[in-house]
Amino acid sequence: MTIEQQLQSTAQDEQLVKIFRALADMTRIDIVRTLYQHNREMACGEVGEICAVSKSNASYHFRTLREAGLTTTRKEAQTKYVKLNHDTFNRLMPGFLDTL
């Protein structure tokens, strides 16, 4: 294995650790499930309402999912929108979303 392949493998392993830590929480699983079932970009407040999560607590969960590469967030005026990052799921966790 070349040095470049080793570095790539290490980076992928580090991302997997972040992903598994992010998914080791019932609230974040519920957020991912909600985004998957609605199959669209959603306002963070809307997701928080559906998942019965307070605004401040939801912010923490959205950040954790984003930092793990599982979601992307976009801000428009005062509203933040979140959606699943299907590329990450397809590349590192194929089939996972179908289990939800």
PDB file of N, CA and C in Angstrom:
ATOM      1  N   MET A   1       0.848  -1.166   0.000  1.00  0.00           N
ATOM      2  CA  MET A   1       0.000   0.000   0.000  1.00  0.00           C
ATOM      3  C   MET A   1       0.899   1.237   0.000  1.00  0.00           C
ATOM      4  N   THR A   2       0.594   2.169  -0.888  1.00  0.00           N
ATOM      5  CA  THR A   2       1.392   3.390  -0.964  1.00  0.00           C
ATOM      6  C   THR A   2       1.058   4.317   0.204  1.00  0.00           C
ATOM      7  N   ILE A   3       1.916   5.287   0.418  1.00  0.00           N
ATOM      8  CA  ILE A   3       1.684   6.272   1.485  1.00  0.00           C
ATOM      9  C   ILE A   3       0.378   7.021   1.230  1.00  0.00           C
ATOM     10  N   GLU A   4       0.127   7.354  -0.032  1.00  0.00           N
ATOM     11  CA  GLU A   4      -1.111   8.063  -0.383  1.00  0.00           C
ATOM     12  C   GLU A   4      -2.338   7.212  -0.036  1.00  0.00           C
ATOM     13  N   GLN A   5      -2.278   5.919  -0.327  1.00  0.00           N
ATOM     14  CA  GLN A   5      -3.398   5.030  -0.006  1.00  0.00           C
ATOM     15  C   GLN A   5      -3.576   4.897   1.504  1.00  0.00           C
ATOM     16  N   GLN A   6      -2.467   4.855   2.236  1.00  0.00           N
ATOM     17  CA  GLN A   6      -2.549   4.774   3.698  1.00  0.00           C
ATOM     18  C   GLN A   6      -3.190   6.024   4.281  1.00  0.00           C
ATOM     19  N   LEU A   7      -2.794   7.191   3.764  1.00  0.00           N
ATOM     20  CA  LEU A   7      -3.377   8.448   4.237  1.00  0.00           C
ATOM     21  C   LEU A   7      -4.868   8.518   3.924  1.00  0.00           C
ATOM     22  N   GLN A   8      -5.228   8.068   2.733  1.00  0.00           N
ATOM     23  CA  GLN A   8      -6.634   8.070   2.340  1.00  0.00           C
ATOM     24  C   GLN A   8      -7.432   7.118   3.230  1.00  0.00           C
ATOM     25  N   SER A   9      -6.870   5.962   3.516  1.00  0.00           N
ATOM     26  CA  SER A   9      -7.524   4.983   4.381  1.00  0.00           C
ATOM     27  C   SER A   9      -7.685   5.527   5.800  1.00  0.00           C
ATOM     28  N   THR A  10      -6.666   6.191   6.307  1.00  0.00           N
ATOM     29  CA  THR A  10      -6.724   6.777   7.645  1.00  0.00           C
ATOM     30  C   THR A  10      -7.788   7.870   7.706  1.00  0.00           C
ATOM     31  N   ALA A  11      -7.840   8.714   6.693  1.00  0.00           N
ATOM     32  CA  ALA A  11      -8.846   9.786   6.656  1.00  0.00           C
ATOM     33  C   ALA A  11     -10.253   9.200   6.607  1.00  0.00           C
ATOM     34  N   GLN A  12     -10.431   8.149   5.839  1.00  0.00           N
ATOM     35  CA  GLN A  12     -11.736   7.492   5.748  1.00  0.00           C
ATOM     36  C   GLN A  12     -12.113   6.872   7.096  1.00  0.00           C
ATOM     37  N   ASP A  13     -11.150   6.243   7.759  1.00  0.00           N
ATOM     38  CA  ASP A  13     -11.410   5.654   9.083  1.00  0.00           C
ATOM     39  C   ASP A  13     -11.786   6.730  10.092  1.00  0.00           C
ATOM     40  N   GLU A  14     -11.114   7.876  10.038  1.00  0.00           N
ATOM     41  CA  GLU A  14     -11.435   8.975  10.952  1.00  0.00           C
ATOM     42  C   GLU A  14     -12.849   9.495  10.698  1.00  0.00           C
ATOM     43  N   GLN A  15     -13.248   9.567   9.428  1.00  0.00           N
ATOM     44  CA  GLN A  15     -14.609  10.005   9.121  1.00  0.00           C
ATOM     45  C   GLN A  15     -15.622   8.969   9.608  1.00  0.00           C
ATOM     46  N   LEU A  16     -15.312   7.683   9.473  1.00  0.00           N
ATOM     47  CA  LEU A  16     -16.209   6.645   9.966  1.00  0.00           C
ATOM     48  C   LEU A  16     -16.409   6.752  11.478  1.00  0.00           C
ATOM     49  N   VAL A  17     -15.350   7.064  12.207  1.00  0.00           N
ATOM     50  CA  VAL A  17     -15.468   7.243  13.658  1.00  0.00           C
ATOM     51  C   VAL A  17     -16.427   8.392  13.955  1.00  0.00           C
ATOM     52  N   LYS A  18     -16.295   9.507  13.243  1.00  0.00           N
ATOM     53  CA  LYS A  18     -17.213  10.641  13.435  1.00  0.00           C
ATOM     54  C   LYS A  18     -18.645  10.248  13.113  1.00  0.00           C
ATOM     55  N   ILE A  19     -18.822   9.487  12.051  1.00  0.00           N
ATOM     56  CA  ILE A  19     -20.156   9.052  11.650  1.00  0.00           C
ATOM     57  C   ILE A  19     -20.783   8.162  12.720  1.00  0.00           C
ATOM     58  N   PHE A  20     -20.026   7.175  13.196  1.00  0.00           N
ATOM     59  CA  PHE A  20     -20.588   6.268  14.197  1.00  0.00           C
ATOM     60  C   PHE A  20     -20.889   6.981  15.508  1.00  0.00           C
ATOM     61  N   ARG A  21     -20.051   7.940  15.877  1.00  0.00           N
ATOM     62  CA  ARG A  21     -20.340   8.739  17.081  1.00  0.00           C
ATOM     63  C   ARG A  21     -21.619   9.550  16.878  1.00  0.00           C
ATOM     64  N   ALA A  22     -21.764  10.131  15.693  1.00  0.00           N
ATOM     65  CA  ALA A  22     -22.957  10.933  15.412  1.00  0.00           C
ATOM     66  C   ALA A  22     -24.220  10.081  15.432  1.00  0.00           C
ATOM     67  N   LEU A  23     -24.121   8.859  14.941  1.00  0.00           N
ATOM     68  CA  LEU A  23     -25.297   7.996  14.857  1.00  0.00           C
ATOM     69  C   LEU A  23     -25.558   7.210  16.146  1.00  0.00           C
ATOM     70  N   ALA A  24     -24.704   7.386  17.140  1.00  0.00           N
ATOM     71  CA  ALA A  24     -24.869   6.677  18.415  1.00  0.00           C
ATOM     72  C   ALA A  24     -25.763   7.467  19.363  1.00  0.00           C
ATOM     73  N   ASP A  25     -26.779   8.112  18.805  1.00  0.00           N
ATOM     74  CA  ASP A  25     -27.694   8.920  19.606  1.00  0.00           C
ATOM     75  C   ASP A  25     -29.087   8.811  18.988  1.00  0.00           C
ATOM     76  N   MET A  26     -30.088   8.514  19.812  1.00  0.00           N
ATOM     77  CA  MET A  26     -31.455   8.306  19.317  1.00  0.00           C
ATOM     78  C   MET A  26     -32.022   9.552  18.630  1.00  0.00           C
ATOM     79  N   THR A  27     -31.732  10.722  19.168  1.00  0.00           N
ATOM     80  CA  THR A  27     -32.254  11.951  18.574  1.00  0.00           C
ATOM     81  C   THR A  27     -31.690  12.157  17.181  1.00  0.00           C
ATOM     82  N   ARG A  28     -30.393  11.921  17.014  1.00  0.00           N
ATOM     83  CA  ARG A  28     -29.782  12.117  15.699  1.00  0.00           C
ATOM     84  C   ARG A  28     -30.264  11.061  14.709  1.00  0.00           C
ATOM     85  N   ILE A  29     -30.496   9.840  15.170  1.00  0.00           N
ATOM     86  CA  ILE A  29     -31.086   8.814  14.294  1.00  0.00           C
ATOM     87  C   ILE A  29     -32.471   9.283  13.845  1.00  0.00           C
ATOM     88  N   ASP A  30     -33.235   9.846  14.774  1.00  0.00           N
ATOM     89  CA  ASP A  30     -34.573  10.343  14.455  1.00  0.00           C
ATOM     90  C   ASP A  30     -34.506  11.480  13.439  1.00  0.00           C
ATOM     91  N   ILE A  31     -33.528  12.366  13.578  1.00  0.00           N
ATOM     92  CA  ILE A  31     -33.348  13.461  12.617  1.00  0.00           C
ATOM     93  C   ILE A  31     -33.020  12.899  11.237  1.00  0.00           C
ATOM     94  N   VAL A  32     -32.088  11.961  11.167  1.00  0.00           N
ATOM     95  CA  VAL A  32     -31.712  11.348   9.886  1.00  0.00           C
ATOM     96  C   VAL A  32     -32.927  10.653   9.276  1.00  0.00           C
ATOM     97  N   ARG A  33     -33.677   9.913  10.090  1.00  0.00           N
ATOM     98  CA  ARG A  33     -34.870   9.215   9.603  1.00  0.00           C
ATOM     99  C   ARG A  33     -35.892  10.221   9.043  1.00  0.00           C
ATOM    100  N   THR A  34     -36.104  11.302   9.753  1.00  0.00           N
ATOM    101  CA  THR A  34     -37.058  12.319   9.303  1.00  0.00           C
ATOM    102  C   THR A  34     -36.631  12.914   7.966  1.00  0.00           C
ATOM    103  N   LEU A  35     -35.366  13.260   7.843  1.00  0.00           N
ATOM    104  CA  LEU A  35     -34.861  13.820   6.586  1.00  0.00           C
ATOM    105  C   LEU A  35     -34.978  12.805   5.456  1.00  0.00           C
ATOM    106  N   TYR A  36     -34.703  11.551   5.758  1.00  0.00           N
ATOM    107  CA  TYR A  36     -34.784  10.496   4.733  1.00  0.00           C
ATOM    108  C   TYR A  36     -36.237  10.286   4.289  1.00  0.00           C
ATOM    109  N   GLN A  37     -37.150  10.246   5.235  1.00  0.00           N
ATOM    110  CA  GLN A  37     -38.550   9.999   4.903  1.00  0.00           C
ATOM    111  C   GLN A  37     -39.169  11.155   4.127  1.00  0.00           C
ATOM    112  N   HIS A  38     -38.774  12.384   4.450  1.00  0.00           N
ATOM    113  CA  HIS A  38     -39.321  13.536   3.739  1.00  0.00           C
ATOM    114  C   HIS A  38     -38.609  13.773   2.396  1.00  0.00           C
ATOM    115  N   ASN A  39     -37.412  13.240   2.261  1.00  0.00           N
ATOM    116  CA  ASN A  39     -36.667  13.256   1.004  1.00  0.00           C
ATOM    117  C   ASN A  39     -36.557  14.647   0.382  1.00  0.00           C
ATOM    118  N   ARG A  40     -36.273  15.644   1.227  1.00  0.00           N
ATOM    119  CA  ARG A  40     -36.110  17.011   0.739  1.00  0.00           C
ATOM    120  C   ARG A  40     -35.351  17.819   1.778  1.00  0.00           C
ATOM    121  N   GLU A  41     -34.875  18.966   1.349  1.00  0.00           N
ATOM    122  CA  GLU A  41     -34.277  19.915   2.277  1.00  0.00           C
ATOM    123  C   GLU A  41     -35.392  20.437   3.179  1.00  0.00           C
ATOM    124  N   MET A  42     -35.089  20.537   4.479  1.00  0.00           N
ATOM    125  CA  MET A  42     -36.099  20.981   5.436  1.00  0.00           C
ATOM    126  C   MET A  42     -35.533  22.071   6.330  1.00  0.00           C
ATOM    127  N   ALA A  43     -36.396  22.967   6.779  1.00  0.00           N
ATOM    128  CA  ALA A  43     -35.984  23.974   7.751  1.00  0.00           C
ATOM    129  C   ALA A  43     -35.645  23.259   9.057  1.00  0.00           C
ATOM    130  N   CYS A  44     -34.585  23.699   9.715  1.00  0.00           N
ATOM    131  CA  CYS A  44     -34.172  23.068  10.971  1.00  0.00           C
ATOM    132  C   CYS A  44     -35.300  23.101  11.996  1.00  0.00           C
ATOM    133  N   GLY A  45     -36.046  24.202  12.044  1.00  0.00           N
ATOM    134  CA  GLY A  45     -37.159  24.308  12.979  1.00  0.00           C
ATOM    135  C   GLY A  45     -38.229  23.268  12.717  1.00  0.00           C
ATOM    136  N   GLU A  46     -38.490  22.991  11.448  1.00  0.00           N
ATOM    137  CA  GLU A  46     -39.475  21.984  11.066  1.00  0.00           C
ATOM    138  C   GLU A  46     -39.030  20.597  11.534  1.00  0.00           C
ATOM    139  N   VAL A  47     -37.762  20.283  11.314  1.00  0.00           N
ATOM    140  CA  VAL A  47     -37.235  18.985  11.758  1.00  0.00           C
ATOM    141  C   VAL A  47     -37.296  18.896  13.281  1.00  0.00           C
ATOM    142  N   GLY A  48     -36.914  19.973  13.949  1.00  0.00           N
ATOM    143  CA  GLY A  48     -36.951  19.994  15.407  1.00  0.00           C
ATOM    144  C   GLY A  48     -38.350  19.758  15.947  1.00  0.00           C
ATOM    145  N   GLU A  49     -39.349  20.355  15.299  1.00  0.00           N
ATOM    146  CA  GLU A  49     -40.742  20.149  15.711  1.00  0.00           C
ATOM    147  C   GLU A  49     -41.158  18.701  15.544  1.00  0.00           C
ATOM    148  N   ILE A  50     -40.869  18.140  14.392  1.00  0.00           N
ATOM    149  CA  ILE A  50     -41.243  16.750  14.108  1.00  0.00           C
ATOM    150  C   ILE A  50     -40.583  15.805  15.105  1.00  0.00           C
ATOM    151  N   CYS A  51     -39.324  16.080  15.431  1.00  0.00           N
ATOM    152  CA  CYS A  51     -38.566  15.201  16.328  1.00  0.00           C
ATOM    153  C   CYS A  51     -38.724  15.585  17.801  1.00  0.00           C
ATOM    154  N   ALA A  52     -39.516  16.609  18.071  1.00  0.00           N
ATOM    155  CA  ALA A  52     -39.756  17.079  19.448  1.00  0.00           C
ATOM    156  C   ALA A  52     -38.449  17.399  20.179  1.00  0.00           C
ATOM    157  N   VAL A  53     -37.623  18.227  19.522  1.00  0.00           N
ATOM    158  CA  VAL A  53     -36.336  18.627  20.079  1.00  0.00           C
ATOM    159  C   VAL A  53     -36.339  20.149  20.224  1.00  0.00           C
ATOM    160  N   SER A  54     -35.878  20.644  21.365  1.00  0.00           N
ATOM    161  CA  SER A  54     -35.812  22.091  21.576  1.00  0.00           C
ATOM    162  C   SER A  54     -34.839  22.709  20.577  1.00  0.00           C
ATOM    163  N   LYS A  55     -35.015  24.002  20.330  1.00  0.00           N
ATOM    164  CA  LYS A  55     -34.190  24.696  19.339  1.00  0.00           C
ATOM    165  C   LYS A  55     -32.703  24.626  19.680  1.00  0.00           C
ATOM    166  N   SER A  56     -32.356  24.860  20.945  1.00  0.00           N
ATOM    167  CA  SER A  56     -30.938  24.839  21.334  1.00  0.00           C
ATOM    168  C   SER A  56     -30.362  23.429  21.253  1.00  0.00           C
ATOM    169  N   ASN A  57     -31.136  22.444  21.647  1.00  0.00           N
ATOM    170  CA  ASN A  57     -30.677  21.055  21.585  1.00  0.00           C
ATOM    171  C   ASN A  57     -30.565  20.598  20.132  1.00  0.00           C
ATOM    172  N   ALA A  58     -31.517  21.007  19.307  1.00  0.00           N
ATOM    173  CA  ALA A  58     -31.490  20.637  17.889  1.00  0.00           C
ATOM    174  C   ALA A  58     -30.240  21.183  17.213  1.00  0.00           C
ATOM    175  N   SER A  59     -29.853  22.398  17.563  1.00  0.00           N
ATOM    176  CA  SER A  59     -28.673  23.018  16.981  1.00  0.00           C
ATOM    177  C   SER A  59     -27.428  22.161  17.215  1.00  0.00           C
ATOM    178  N   TYR A  60     -27.287  21.643  18.420  1.00  0.00           N
ATOM    179  CA  TYR A  60     -26.164  20.763  18.751  1.00  0.00           C
ATOM    180  C   TYR A  60     -26.188  19.503  17.883  1.00  0.00           C
ATOM    181  N   HIS A  61     -27.358  18.897  17.754  1.00  0.00           N
ATOM    182  CA  HIS A  61     -27.477  17.667  16.960  1.00  0.00           C
ATOM    183  C   HIS A  61     -27.212  17.920  15.473  1.00  0.00           C
ATOM    184  N   PHE A  62     -27.736  19.028  14.952  1.00  0.00           N
ATOM    185  CA  PHE A  62     -27.488  19.357  13.539  1.00  0.00           C
ATOM    186  C   PHE A  62     -26.001  19.577  13.286  1.00  0.00           C
ATOM    187  N   ARG A  63     -25.320  20.236  14.206  1.00  0.00           N
ATOM    188  CA  ARG A  63     -23.878  20.475  14.053  1.00  0.00           C
ATOM    189  C   ARG A  63     -23.108  19.151  14.066  1.00  0.00           C
ATOM    190  N   THR A  64     -23.470  18.253  14.969  1.00  0.00           N
ATOM    191  CA  THR A  64     -22.796  16.956  15.051  1.00  0.00           C
ATOM    192  C   THR A  64     -22.961  16.172  13.750  1.00  0.00           C
ATOM    193  N   LEU A  65     -24.170  16.162  13.214  1.00  0.00           N
ATOM    194  CA  LEU A  65     -24.417  15.447  11.952  1.00  0.00           C
ATOM    195  C   LEU A  65     -23.660  16.099  10.790  1.00  0.00           C
ATOM    196  N   ARG A  66     -23.629  17.422  10.774  1.00  0.00           N
ATOM    197  CA  ARG A  66     -22.909  18.146   9.706  1.00  0.00           C
ATOM    198  C   ARG A  66     -21.407  17.870   9.782  1.00  0.00           C
ATOM    199  N   GLU A  67     -20.846  17.921  10.982  1.00  0.00           N
ATOM    200  CA  GLU A  67     -19.404  17.696  11.145  1.00  0.00           C
ATOM    201  C   GLU A  67     -19.002  16.272  10.777  1.00  0.00           C
ATOM    202  N   ALA A  68     -19.935  15.339  10.891  1.00  0.00           N
ATOM    203  CA  ALA A  68     -19.659  13.953  10.489  1.00  0.00           C
ATOM    204  C   ALA A  68     -19.838  13.768   8.978  1.00  0.00           C
ATOM    205  N   GLY A  69     -20.317  14.805   8.298  1.00  0.00           N
ATOM    206  CA  GLY A  69     -20.510  14.732   6.856  1.00  0.00           C
ATOM    207  C   GLY A  69     -21.820  14.093   6.457  1.00  0.00           C
ATOM    208  N   LEU A  70     -22.736  13.897   7.412  1.00  0.00           N
ATOM    209  CA  LEU A  70     -23.995  13.216   7.116  1.00  0.00           C
ATOM    210  C   LEU A  70     -25.077  14.149   6.600  1.00  0.00           C
ATOM    211  N   THR A  71     -24.939  15.439   6.892  1.00  0.00           N
ATOM    212  CA  THR A  71     -25.903  16.419   6.413  1.00  0.00           C
ATOM    213  C   THR A  71     -25.166  17.651   5.903  1.00  0.00           C
ATOM    214  N   THR A  72     -25.892  18.455   5.169  1.00  0.00           N
ATOM    215  CA  THR A  72     -25.395  19.767   4.771  1.00  0.00           C
ATOM    216  C   THR A  72     -26.408  20.795   5.256  1.00  0.00           C
ATOM    217  N   THR A  73     -25.923  21.982   5.549  1.00  0.00           N
ATOM    218  CA  THR A  73     -26.773  23.044   6.061  1.00  0.00           C
ATOM    219  C   THR A  73     -26.571  24.293   5.216  1.00  0.00           C
ATOM    220  N   ARG A  74     -27.667  24.981   4.984  1.00  0.00           N
ATOM    221  CA  ARG A  74     -27.635  26.232   4.225  1.00  0.00           C
ATOM    222  C   ARG A  74     -28.472  27.240   4.988  1.00  0.00           C
ATOM    223  N   LYS A  75     -27.996  28.485   5.014  1.00  0.00           N
ATOM    224  CA  LYS A  75     -28.715  29.538   5.721  1.00  0.00           C
ATOM    225  C   LYS A  75     -29.284  30.522   4.714  1.00  0.00           C
ATOM    226  N   GLU A  76     -30.560  30.837   4.895  1.00  0.00           N
ATOM    227  CA  GLU A  76     -31.228  31.828   4.054  1.00  0.00           C
ATOM    228  C   GLU A  76     -31.954  32.789   4.993  1.00  0.00           C
ATOM    229  N   ALA A  77     -31.482  34.018   5.029  1.00  0.00           N
ATOM    230  CA  ALA A  77     -31.987  35.022   5.976  1.00  0.00           C
ATOM    231  C   ALA A  77     -31.819  34.485   7.399  1.00  0.00           C
ATOM    232  N   GLN A  78     -32.894  34.343   8.153  1.00  0.00           N
ATOM    233  CA  GLN A  78     -32.806  33.855   9.533  1.00  0.00           C
ATOM    234  C   GLN A  78     -33.021  32.350   9.648  1.00  0.00           C
ATOM    235  N   THR A  79     -33.314  31.688   8.545  1.00  0.00           N
ATOM    236  CA  THR A  79     -33.671  30.276   8.567  1.00  0.00           C
ATOM    237  C   THR A  79     -32.530  29.403   8.064  1.00  0.00           C
ATOM    238  N   LYS A  80     -32.274  28.333   8.801  1.00  0.00           N
ATOM    239  CA  LYS A  80     -31.299  27.335   8.357  1.00  0.00           C
ATOM    240  C   LYS A  80     -32.054  26.136   7.806  1.00  0.00           C
ATOM    241  N   TYR A  81     -31.520  25.603   6.716  1.00  0.00           N
ATOM    242  CA  TYR A  81     -32.098  24.440   6.070  1.00  0.00           C
ATOM    243  C   TYR A  81     -31.085  23.304   6.102  1.00  0.00           C
ATOM    244  N   VAL A  82     -31.582  22.105   6.282  1.00  0.00           N
ATOM    245  CA  VAL A  82     -30.706  20.939   6.390  1.00  0.00           C
ATOM    246  C   VAL A  82     -31.206  19.850   5.438  1.00  0.00           C
ATOM    247  N   LYS A  83     -30.267  19.086   4.908  1.00  0.00           N
ATOM    248  CA  LYS A  83     -30.624  17.929   4.081  1.00  0.00           C
ATOM    249  C   LYS A  83     -29.556  16.865   4.258  1.00  0.00           C
ATOM    250  N   LEU A  84     -29.915  15.644   3.925  1.00  0.00           N
ATOM    251  CA  LEU A  84     -28.951  14.546   4.023  1.00  0.00           C
ATOM    252  C   LEU A  84     -27.883  14.697   2.956  1.00  0.00           C
ATOM    253  N   ASN A  85     -26.674  14.286   3.303  1.00  0.00           N
ATOM    254  CA  ASN A  85     -25.580  14.234   2.339  1.00  0.00           C
ATOM    255  C   ASN A  85     -25.529  12.790   1.828  1.00  0.00           C
ATOM    256  N   HIS A  86     -26.294  12.529   0.784  1.00  0.00           N
ATOM    257  CA  HIS A  86     -26.404  11.163   0.258  1.00  0.00           C
ATOM    258  C   HIS A  86     -25.061  10.624  -0.216  1.00  0.00           C
ATOM    259  N   ASP A  87     -24.159  11.496  -0.671  1.00  0.00           N
ATOM    260  CA  ASP A  87     -22.843  11.037  -1.130  1.00  0.00           C
ATOM    261  C   ASP A  87     -22.097  10.304  -0.015  1.00  0.00           C
ATOM    262  N   THR A  88     -22.129  10.874   1.189  1.00  0.00           N
ATOM    263  CA  THR A  88     -21.445  10.238   2.317  1.00  0.00           C
ATOM    264  C   THR A  88     -22.070   8.894   2.635  1.00  0.00           C
ATOM    265  N   PHE A  89     -23.396   8.857   2.709  1.00  0.00           N
ATOM    266  CA  PHE A  89     -24.071   7.591   3.011  1.00  0.00           C
ATOM    267  C   PHE A  89     -23.782   6.549   1.934  1.00  0.00           C
ATOM    268  N   ASN A  90     -23.860   6.938   0.672  1.00  0.00           N
ATOM    269  CA  ASN A  90     -23.634   5.984  -0.421  1.00  0.00           C
ATOM    270  C   ASN A  90     -22.204   5.476  -0.453  1.00  0.00           C
ATOM    271  N   ARG A  91     -21.263   6.353  -0.138  1.00  0.00           N
ATOM    272  CA  ARG A  91     -19.844   5.984  -0.223  1.00  0.00           C
ATOM    273  C   ARG A  91     -19.384   5.166   0.981  1.00  0.00           C
ATOM    274  N   LEU A  92     -19.784   5.579   2.177  1.00  0.00           N
ATOM    275  CA  LEU A  92     -19.243   4.951   3.387  1.00  0.00           C
ATOM    276  C   LEU A  92     -20.213   4.030   4.116  1.00  0.00           C
ATOM    277  N   MET A  93     -21.521   4.191   3.846  1.00  0.00           N
ATOM    278  CA  MET A  93     -22.511   3.382   4.557  1.00  0.00           C
ATOM    279  C   MET A  93     -23.619   2.954   3.599  1.00  0.00           C
ATOM    280  N   PRO A  94     -23.248   2.292   2.515  1.00  0.00           N
ATOM    281  CA  PRO A  94     -24.275   1.923   1.528  1.00  0.00           C
ATOM    282  C   PRO A  94     -25.367   1.045   2.153  1.00  0.00           C
ATOM    283  N   GLY A  95     -26.604   1.384   1.832  1.00  0.00           N
ATOM    284  CA  GLY A  95     -27.730   0.608   2.340  1.00  0.00           C
ATOM    285  C   GLY A  95     -28.235   1.047   3.703  1.00  0.00           C
ATOM    286  N   PHE A  96     -27.489   1.879   4.418  1.00  0.00           N
ATOM    287  CA  PHE A  96     -27.887   2.268   5.775  1.00  0.00           C
ATOM    288  C   PHE A  96     -29.243   2.963   5.779  1.00  0.00           C
ATOM    289  N   LEU A  97     -29.429   3.921   4.878  1.00  0.00           N
ATOM    290  CA  LEU A  97     -30.676   4.698   4.888  1.00  0.00           C
ATOM    291  C   LEU A  97     -31.893   3.809   4.640  1.00  0.00           C
ATOM    292  N   ASP A  98     -31.721   2.737   3.893  1.00  0.00           N
ATOM    293  CA  ASP A  98     -32.832   1.828   3.637  1.00  0.00           C
ATOM    294  C   ASP A  98     -33.268   1.068   4.892  1.00  0.00           C
ATOM    295  N   THR A  99     -32.440   1.055   5.907  1.00  0.00           N
ATOM    296  CA  THR A  99     -32.801   0.366   7.155  1.00  0.00           C
ATOM    297  C   THR A  99     -33.680   1.221   8.047  1.00  0.00           C
ATOM    298  N   LEU A 100     -33.834   2.497   7.694  1.00  0.00           N
ATOM    299  CA  LEU A 100     -34.629   3.392   8.519  1.00  0.00           C
ATOM    300  C   LEU A 100     -36.087   3.243   8.174  1.00  0.00           C
TER     301      LEU A 100
END
